[in-house]
PDB file of N, CA and C in Angstrom:
ATOM      1  N   MET A   1       0.839  -1.184   0.000  1.00  0.00           N
ATOM      2  CA  MET A   1       0.000   0.000   0.000  1.00  0.00           C
ATOM      3  C   MET A   1       0.886   1.250   0.000  1.00  0.00           C
ATOM      4  N   HIS A   2       0.598   2.175  -0.862  1.00  0.00           N
ATOM      5  CA  HIS A   2       1.349   3.421  -0.945  1.00  0.00           C
ATOM      6  C   HIS A   2       0.936   4.350   0.190  1.00  0.00           C
ATOM      7  N   SER A   3       1.918   4.944   0.842  1.00  0.00           N
ATOM      8  CA  SER A   3       1.621   5.826   1.967  1.00  0.00           C
ATOM      9  C   SER A   3       2.325   7.160   1.782  1.00  0.00           C
ATOM     10  N   ASN A   4       1.609   8.225   2.007  1.00  0.00           N
ATOM     11  CA  ASN A   4       2.168   9.568   1.956  1.00  0.00           C
ATOM     12  C   ASN A   4       2.247  10.122   3.362  1.00  0.00           C
ATOM     13  N   THR A   5       3.149  11.062   3.569  1.00  0.00           N
ATOM     14  CA  THR A   5       3.157  11.791   4.832  1.00  0.00           C
ATOM     15  C   THR A   5       2.285  13.018   4.641  1.00  0.00           C
ATOM     16  N   LEU A   6       1.270  13.148   5.462  1.00  0.00           N
ATOM     17  CA  LEU A   6       0.328  14.258   5.377  1.00  0.00           C
ATOM     18  C   LEU A   6       0.604  15.226   6.514  1.00  0.00           C
ATOM     19  N   LEU A   7       0.407  16.504   6.259  1.00  0.00           N
ATOM     20  CA  LEU A   7       0.744  17.543   7.225  1.00  0.00           C
ATOM     21  C   LEU A   7      -0.479  18.372   7.597  1.00  0.00           C
ATOM     22  N   PHE A   8      -0.779  18.399   8.879  1.00  0.00           N
ATOM     23  CA  PHE A   8      -1.777  19.301   9.449  1.00  0.00           C
ATOM     24  C   PHE A   8      -1.003  20.390  10.184  1.00  0.00           C
ATOM     25  N   ILE A   9      -1.368  21.648   9.987  1.00  0.00           N
ATOM     26  CA  ILE A   9      -0.672  22.756  10.646  1.00  0.00           C
ATOM     27  C   ILE A   9      -1.668  23.548  11.482  1.00  0.00           C
ATOM     28  N   VAL A  10      -1.384  23.642  12.769  1.00  0.00           N
ATOM     29  CA  VAL A  10      -2.166  24.490  13.672  1.00  0.00           C
ATOM     30  C   VAL A  10      -1.438  25.824  13.699  1.00  0.00           C
ATOM     31  N   GLU A  11      -2.134  26.895  13.292  1.00  0.00           N
ATOM     32  CA  GLU A  11      -1.461  28.194  13.202  1.00  0.00           C
ATOM     33  C   GLU A  11      -2.351  29.330  13.660  1.00  0.00           C
ATOM     34  N   PRO A  12      -1.719  30.388  14.167  1.00  0.00           N
ATOM     35  CA  PRO A  12      -2.493  31.533  14.630  1.00  0.00           C
ATOM     36  C   PRO A  12      -3.057  32.334  13.461  1.00  0.00           C
ATOM     37  N   THR A  13      -4.222  32.921  13.685  1.00  0.00           N
ATOM     38  CA  THR A  13      -4.833  33.847  12.735  1.00  0.00           C
ATOM     39  C   THR A  13      -5.169  35.116  13.507  1.00  0.00           C
ATOM     40  N   SER A  14      -5.665  36.106  12.833  1.00  0.00           N
ATOM     41  CA  SER A  14      -6.039  37.342  13.522  1.00  0.00           C
ATOM     42  C   SER A  14      -7.234  37.144  14.455  1.00  0.00           C
ATOM     43  N   GLN A  15      -8.040  36.098  14.220  1.00  0.00           N
ATOM     44  CA  GLN A  15      -9.213  35.833  15.054  1.00  0.00           C
ATOM     45  C   GLN A  15      -8.997  34.716  16.068  1.00  0.00           C
ATOM     46  N   GLY A  16      -7.870  34.033  16.048  1.00  0.00           N
ATOM     47  CA  GLY A  16      -7.634  32.921  16.963  1.00  0.00           C
ATOM     48  C   GLY A  16      -6.685  31.923  16.353  1.00  0.00           C
ATOM     49  N   TRP A  17      -7.194  30.709  16.097  1.00  0.00           N
ATOM     50  CA  TRP A  17      -6.375  29.620  15.568  1.00  0.00           C
ATOM     51  C   TRP A  17      -7.135  28.878  14.472  1.00  0.00           C
ATOM     52  N   THR A  18      -6.384  28.291  13.537  1.00  0.00           N
ATOM     53  CA  THR A  18      -6.976  27.469  12.495  1.00  0.00           C
ATOM     54  C   THR A  18      -6.118  26.222  12.286  1.00  0.00           C
ATOM     55  N   VAL A  19      -6.691  25.222  11.647  1.00  0.00           N
ATOM     56  CA  VAL A  19      -5.954  24.027  11.247  1.00  0.00           C
ATOM     57  C   VAL A  19      -5.903  24.034   9.729  1.00  0.00           C
ATOM     58  N   SER A  20      -4.696  24.062   9.180  1.00  0.00           N
ATOM     59  CA  SER A  20      -4.533  24.051   7.727  1.00  0.00           C
ATOM     60  C   SER A  20      -4.139  22.659   7.267  1.00  0.00           C
ATOM     61  N   PHE A  21      -4.709  22.251   6.158  1.00  0.00           N
ATOM     62  CA  PHE A  21      -4.372  20.991   5.514  1.00  0.00           C
ATOM     63  C   PHE A  21      -4.384  21.241   4.017  1.00  0.00           C
ATOM     64  N   CYS A  22      -3.335  20.839   3.322  1.00  0.00           N
ATOM     65  CA  CYS A  22      -3.192  21.101   1.872  1.00  0.00           C
ATOM     66  C   CYS A  22      -3.283  22.593   1.581  1.00  0.00           C
ATOM     67  N   HIS A  23      -2.676  23.397   2.414  1.00  0.00           N
ATOM     68  CA  HIS A  23      -2.613  24.858   2.251  1.00  0.00           C
ATOM     69  C   HIS A  23      -3.969  25.542   2.328  1.00  0.00           C
ATOM     70  N   GLU A  24      -4.946  24.875   2.908  1.00  0.00           N
ATOM     71  CA  GLU A  24      -6.288  25.438   3.071  1.00  0.00           C
ATOM     72  C   GLU A  24      -6.648  25.474   4.554  1.00  0.00           C
ATOM     73  N   PRO A  25      -7.058  26.642   5.080  1.00  0.00           N
ATOM     74  CA  PRO A  25      -7.491  26.679   6.482  1.00  0.00           C
ATOM     75  C   PRO A  25      -8.834  25.963   6.648  1.00  0.00           C
ATOM     76  N   ASN A  26      -8.934  25.203   7.727  1.00  0.00           N
ATOM     77  CA  ASN A  26     -10.153  24.442   8.007  1.00  0.00           C
ATOM     78  C   ASN A  26     -10.553  24.672   9.457  1.00  0.00           C
ATOM     79  N   GLY A  27     -11.566  25.451   9.651  1.00  0.00           N
ATOM     80  CA  GLY A  27     -12.056  25.694  11.002  1.00  0.00           C
ATOM     81  C   GLY A  27     -11.401  26.889  11.658  1.00  0.00           C
ATOM     82  N   GLN A  28     -12.110  27.463  12.594  1.00  0.00           N
ATOM     83  CA  GLN A  28     -11.623  28.606  13.367  1.00  0.00           C
ATOM     84  C   GLN A  28     -11.850  28.290  14.836  1.00  0.00           C
ATOM     85  N   TYR A  29     -10.816  28.463  15.638  1.00  0.00           N
ATOM     86  CA  TYR A  29     -10.873  28.115  17.054  1.00  0.00           C
ATOM     87  C   TYR A  29     -10.398  29.305  17.890  1.00  0.00           C
ATOM     88  N   ASP A  30     -11.038  29.500  19.027  1.00  0.00           N
ATOM     89  CA  ASP A  30     -10.635  30.582  19.925  1.00  0.00           C
ATOM     90  C   ASP A  30      -9.350  30.244  20.669  1.00  0.00           C
ATOM     91  N   ARG A  31      -9.163  28.952  20.966  1.00  0.00           N
ATOM     92  CA  ARG A  31      -8.013  28.550  21.766  1.00  0.00           C
ATOM     93  C   ARG A  31      -7.105  27.598  20.987  1.00  0.00           C
ATOM     94  N   ARG A  32      -5.807  27.736  21.230  1.00  0.00           N
ATOM     95  CA  ARG A  32      -4.807  26.883  20.589  1.00  0.00           C
ATOM     96  C   ARG A  32      -5.078  25.412  20.894  1.00  0.00           C
ATOM     97  N   VAL A  33      -5.400  25.104  22.130  1.00  0.00           N
ATOM     98  CA  VAL A  33      -5.623  23.715  22.533  1.00  0.00           C
ATOM     99  C   VAL A  33      -6.803  23.097  21.775  1.00  0.00           C
ATOM    100  N   ASP A  34      -7.836  23.866  21.495  1.00  0.00           N
ATOM    101  CA  ASP A  34      -8.980  23.345  20.744  1.00  0.00           C
ATOM    102  C   ASP A  34      -8.585  23.014  19.297  1.00  0.00           C
ATOM    103  N   ALA A  35      -7.782  23.870  18.698  1.00  0.00           N
ATOM    104  CA  ALA A  35      -7.292  23.602  17.340  1.00  0.00           C
ATOM    105  C   ALA A  35      -6.388  22.377  17.336  1.00  0.00           C
ATOM    106  N   MET A  36      -5.545  22.233  18.361  1.00  0.00           N
ATOM    107  CA  MET A  36      -4.670  21.069  18.460  1.00  0.00           C
ATOM    108  C   MET A  36      -5.486  19.781  18.600  1.00  0.00           C
ATOM    109  N   ARG A  37      -6.505  19.808  19.424  1.00  0.00           N
ATOM    110  CA  ARG A  37      -7.353  18.621  19.608  1.00  0.00           C
ATOM    111  C   ARG A  37      -8.015  18.209  18.294  1.00  0.00           C
ATOM    112  N   SER A  38      -8.500  19.191  17.551  1.00  0.00           N
ATOM    113  CA  SER A  38      -9.136  18.912  16.265  1.00  0.00           C
ATOM    114  C   SER A  38      -8.134  18.313  15.274  1.00  0.00           C
ATOM    115  N   ALA A  39      -6.951  18.915  15.188  1.00  0.00           N
ATOM    116  CA  ALA A  39      -5.928  18.430  14.262  1.00  0.00           C
ATOM    117  C   ALA A  39      -5.481  17.017  14.623  1.00  0.00           C
ATOM    118  N   ILE A  40      -5.286  16.744  15.911  1.00  0.00           N
ATOM    119  CA  ILE A  40      -4.843  15.416  16.336  1.00  0.00           C
ATOM    120  C   ILE A  40      -5.937  14.377  16.098  1.00  0.00           C
ATOM    121  N   SER A  41      -7.175  14.764  16.313  1.00  0.00           N
ATOM    122  CA  SER A  41      -8.287  13.849  16.045  1.00  0.00           C
ATOM    123  C   SER A  41      -8.335  13.471  14.563  1.00  0.00           C
ATOM    124  N   ASP A  42      -8.223  14.464  13.683  1.00  0.00           N
ATOM    125  CA  ASP A  42      -8.210  14.186  12.243  1.00  0.00           C
ATOM    126  C   ASP A  42      -6.971  13.375  11.864  1.00  0.00           C
ATOM    127  N   ALA A  43      -5.830  13.701  12.453  1.00  0.00           N
ATOM    128  CA  ALA A  43      -4.591  12.988  12.149  1.00  0.00           C
ATOM    129  C   ALA A  43      -4.698  11.515  12.533  1.00  0.00           C
ATOM    130  N   ARG A  44      -5.297  11.229  13.672  1.00  0.00           N
ATOM    131  CA  ARG A  44      -5.476   9.836  14.085  1.00  0.00           C
ATOM    132  C   ARG A  44      -6.375   9.085  13.104  1.00  0.00           C
ATOM    133  N   ARG A  45      -7.440   9.743  12.683  1.00  0.00           N
ATOM    134  CA  ARG A  45      -8.369   9.120  11.727  1.00  0.00           C
ATOM    135  C   ARG A  45      -7.645   8.788  10.426  1.00  0.00           C
ATOM    136  N   VAL A  46      -6.869   9.731   9.902  1.00  0.00           N
ATOM    137  CA  VAL A  46      -6.149   9.531   8.643  1.00  0.00           C
ATOM    138  C   VAL A  46      -5.034   8.495   8.822  1.00  0.00           C
ATOM    139  N   ASN A  47      -4.400   8.493  10.001  1.00  0.00           N
ATOM    140  CA  ASN A  47      -3.359   7.515  10.281  1.00  0.00           C
ATOM    141  C   ASN A  47      -3.921   6.099  10.236  1.00  0.00           C
ATOM    142  N   HIS A  48      -5.135   5.906  10.730  1.00  0.00           N
ATOM    143  CA  HIS A  48      -5.769   4.589  10.702  1.00  0.00           C
ATOM    144  C   HIS A  48      -6.060   4.135   9.269  1.00  0.00           C
ATOM    145  N   LEU A  49      -6.074   5.063   8.332  1.00  0.00           N
ATOM    146  CA  LEU A  49      -6.250   4.721   6.918  1.00  0.00           C
ATOM    147  C   LEU A  49      -4.935   4.307   6.259  1.00  0.00           C
ATOM    148  N   GLY A  50      -3.825   4.372   7.026  1.00  0.00           N
ATOM    149  CA  GLY A  50      -2.543   3.911   6.517  1.00  0.00           C
ATOM    150  C   GLY A  50      -1.552   4.986   6.135  1.00  0.00           C
ATOM    151  N   HIS A  51      -1.821   6.227   6.459  1.00  0.00           N
ATOM    152  CA  HIS A  51      -0.911   7.317   6.113  1.00  0.00           C
ATOM    153  C   HIS A  51      -0.057   7.722   7.310  1.00  0.00           C
ATOM    154  N   HIS A  52       1.141   8.184   7.022  1.00  0.00           N
ATOM    155  CA  HIS A  52       1.974   8.816   8.044  1.00  0.00           C
ATOM    156  C   HIS A  52       1.495  10.261   8.135  1.00  0.00           C
ATOM    157  N   VAL A  53       1.329  10.760   9.340  1.00  0.00           N
ATOM    158  CA  VAL A  53       0.765  12.092   9.535  1.00  0.00           C
ATOM    159  C   VAL A  53       1.650  12.883  10.495  1.00  0.00           C
ATOM    160  N   THR A  54       1.836  14.156  10.182  1.00  0.00           N
ATOM    161  CA  THR A  54       2.531  15.073  11.072  1.00  0.00           C
ATOM    162  C   THR A  54       1.594  16.224  11.392  1.00  0.00           C
ATOM    163  N   VAL A  55       1.537  16.582  12.667  1.00  0.00           N
ATOM    164  CA  VAL A  55       0.807  17.771  13.107  1.00  0.00           C
ATOM    165  C   VAL A  55       1.849  18.763  13.594  1.00  0.00           C
ATOM    166  N   ALA A  56       1.942  19.904  12.930  1.00  0.00           N
ATOM    167  CA  ALA A  56       2.860  20.969  13.327  1.00  0.00           C
ATOM    168  C   ALA A  56       2.047  22.079  13.968  1.00  0.00           C
ATOM    169  N   VAL A  57       2.481  22.521  15.121  1.00  0.00           N
ATOM    170  CA  VAL A  57       1.775  23.582  15.841  1.00  0.00           C
ATOM    171  C   VAL A  57       2.688  24.800  15.866  1.00  0.00           C
ATOM    172  N   ARG A  58       2.257  25.867  15.224  1.00  0.00           N
ATOM    173  CA  ARG A  58       3.049  27.089  15.123  1.00  0.00           C
ATOM    174  C   ARG A  58       2.902  27.941  16.385  1.00  0.00           C
ATOM    175  N   ARG A  59       3.816  28.896  16.536  1.00  0.00           N
ATOM    176  CA  ARG A  59       3.770  29.846  17.637  1.00  0.00           C
ATOM    177  C   ARG A  59       3.037  31.108  17.203  1.00  0.00           C
ATOM    178  N   PRO A  60       2.351  31.745  18.137  1.00  0.00           N
ATOM    179  CA  PRO A  60       1.835  33.081  17.839  1.00  0.00           C
ATOM    180  C   PRO A  60       2.998  34.076  17.834  1.00  0.00           C
ATOM    181  N   PRO A  61       2.797  35.274  17.311  1.00  0.00           N
ATOM    182  CA  PRO A  61       3.908  36.211  17.161  1.00  0.00           C
ATOM    183  C   PRO A  61       4.509  36.742  18.474  1.00  0.00           C
ATOM    184  N   ASP A  62       3.780  36.714  19.577  1.00  0.00           N
ATOM    185  CA  ASP A  62       4.345  37.286  20.808  1.00  0.00           C
ATOM    186  C   ASP A  62       5.326  36.312  21.469  1.00  0.00           C
ATOM    187  N   ARG A  63       6.266  36.840  22.219  1.00  0.00           N
ATOM    188  CA  ARG A  63       7.345  36.039  22.817  1.00  0.00           C
ATOM    189  C   ARG A  63       6.894  35.201  24.008  1.00  0.00           C
ATOM    190  N   SER A  64       5.776  35.512  24.617  1.00  0.00           N
ATOM    191  CA  SER A  64       5.312  34.754  25.776  1.00  0.00           C
ATOM    192  C   SER A  64       4.495  33.530  25.368  1.00  0.00           C
ATOM    193  N   ALA A  65       4.489  33.252  24.079  1.00  0.00           N
ATOM    194  CA  ALA A  65       3.660  32.162  23.539  1.00  0.00           C
ATOM    195  C   ALA A  65       4.209  30.803  23.936  1.00  0.00           C
ATOM    196  N   PRO A  66       3.331  29.800  23.967  1.00  0.00           N
ATOM    197  CA  PRO A  66       3.814  28.426  24.175  1.00  0.00           C
ATOM    198  C   PRO A  66       4.729  28.032  23.024  1.00  0.00           C
ATOM    199  N   PRO A  67       5.633  27.109  23.251  1.00  0.00           N
ATOM    200  CA  PRO A  67       6.581  26.720  22.193  1.00  0.00           C
ATOM    201  C   PRO A  67       5.896  25.990  21.044  1.00  0.00           C
ATOM    202  N   ALA A  68       6.557  26.004  19.901  1.00  0.00           N
ATOM    203  CA  ALA A  68       6.071  25.255  18.745  1.00  0.00           C
ATOM    204  C   ALA A  68       6.185  23.762  19.051  1.00  0.00           C
ATOM    205  N   ARG A  69       5.355  22.957  18.435  1.00  0.00           N
ATOM    206  CA  ARG A  69       5.348  21.513  18.671  1.00  0.00           C
ATOM    207  C   ARG A  69       5.222  20.782  17.339  1.00  0.00           C
ATOM    208  N   THR A  70       5.740  19.569  17.303  1.00  0.00           N
ATOM    209  CA  THR A  70       5.534  18.685  16.162  1.00  0.00           C
ATOM    210  C   THR A  70       5.160  17.306  16.700  1.00  0.00           C
ATOM    211  N   ILE A  71       4.089  16.754  16.181  1.00  0.00           N
ATOM    212  CA  ILE A  71       3.585  15.455  16.607  1.00  0.00           C
ATOM    213  C   ILE A  71       3.533  14.577  15.356  1.00  0.00           C
ATOM    214  N   ARG A  72       4.157  13.414  15.396  1.00  0.00           N
ATOM    215  CA  ARG A  72       4.172  12.508  14.235  1.00  0.00           C
ATOM    216  C   ARG A  72       3.431  11.234  14.581  1.00  0.00           C
ATOM    217  N   LEU A  73       2.598  10.795  13.648  1.00  0.00           N
ATOM    218  CA  LEU A  73       1.892   9.525  13.770  1.00  0.00           C
ATOM    219  C   LEU A  73       2.329   8.645  12.601  1.00  0.00           C
ATOM    220  N   GLY A  74       2.847   7.478  12.874  1.00  0.00           N
ATOM    221  CA  GLY A  74       3.277   6.569  11.821  1.00  0.00           C
ATOM    222  C   GLY A  74       2.228   5.531  11.533  1.00  0.00           C
ATOM    223  N   ALA A  75       2.217   5.089  10.297  1.00  0.00           N
ATOM    224  CA  ALA A  75       1.241   4.058   9.897  1.00  0.00           C
ATOM    225  C   ALA A  75       1.671   2.704  10.385  1.00  0.00           C
TER     226      ALA A  75
END
C-alpha cells in the first residue's frame, strides 16, 4: 500500500487559531488547545487509513507564547 506523509498545521490567525491541511485553512478556534485537539483527532483518523501524519503547531507572534510543537503519527 502506498503511503504519503500528510501535514496538518495548527497556526495563529487574527481571530484565533486554524488548522490548515493542503494549504487550506479548516475551522476557526478561539483557543490553541482546541485547534490542536481537532488536528490530532483528524490525524489519528487519517493515520488509521494507513498514512503517516505530522501535526505541526506554530507559535503566535508574541514572545510569551507556548513553544512550537511537532507530533508525528506513523502508519
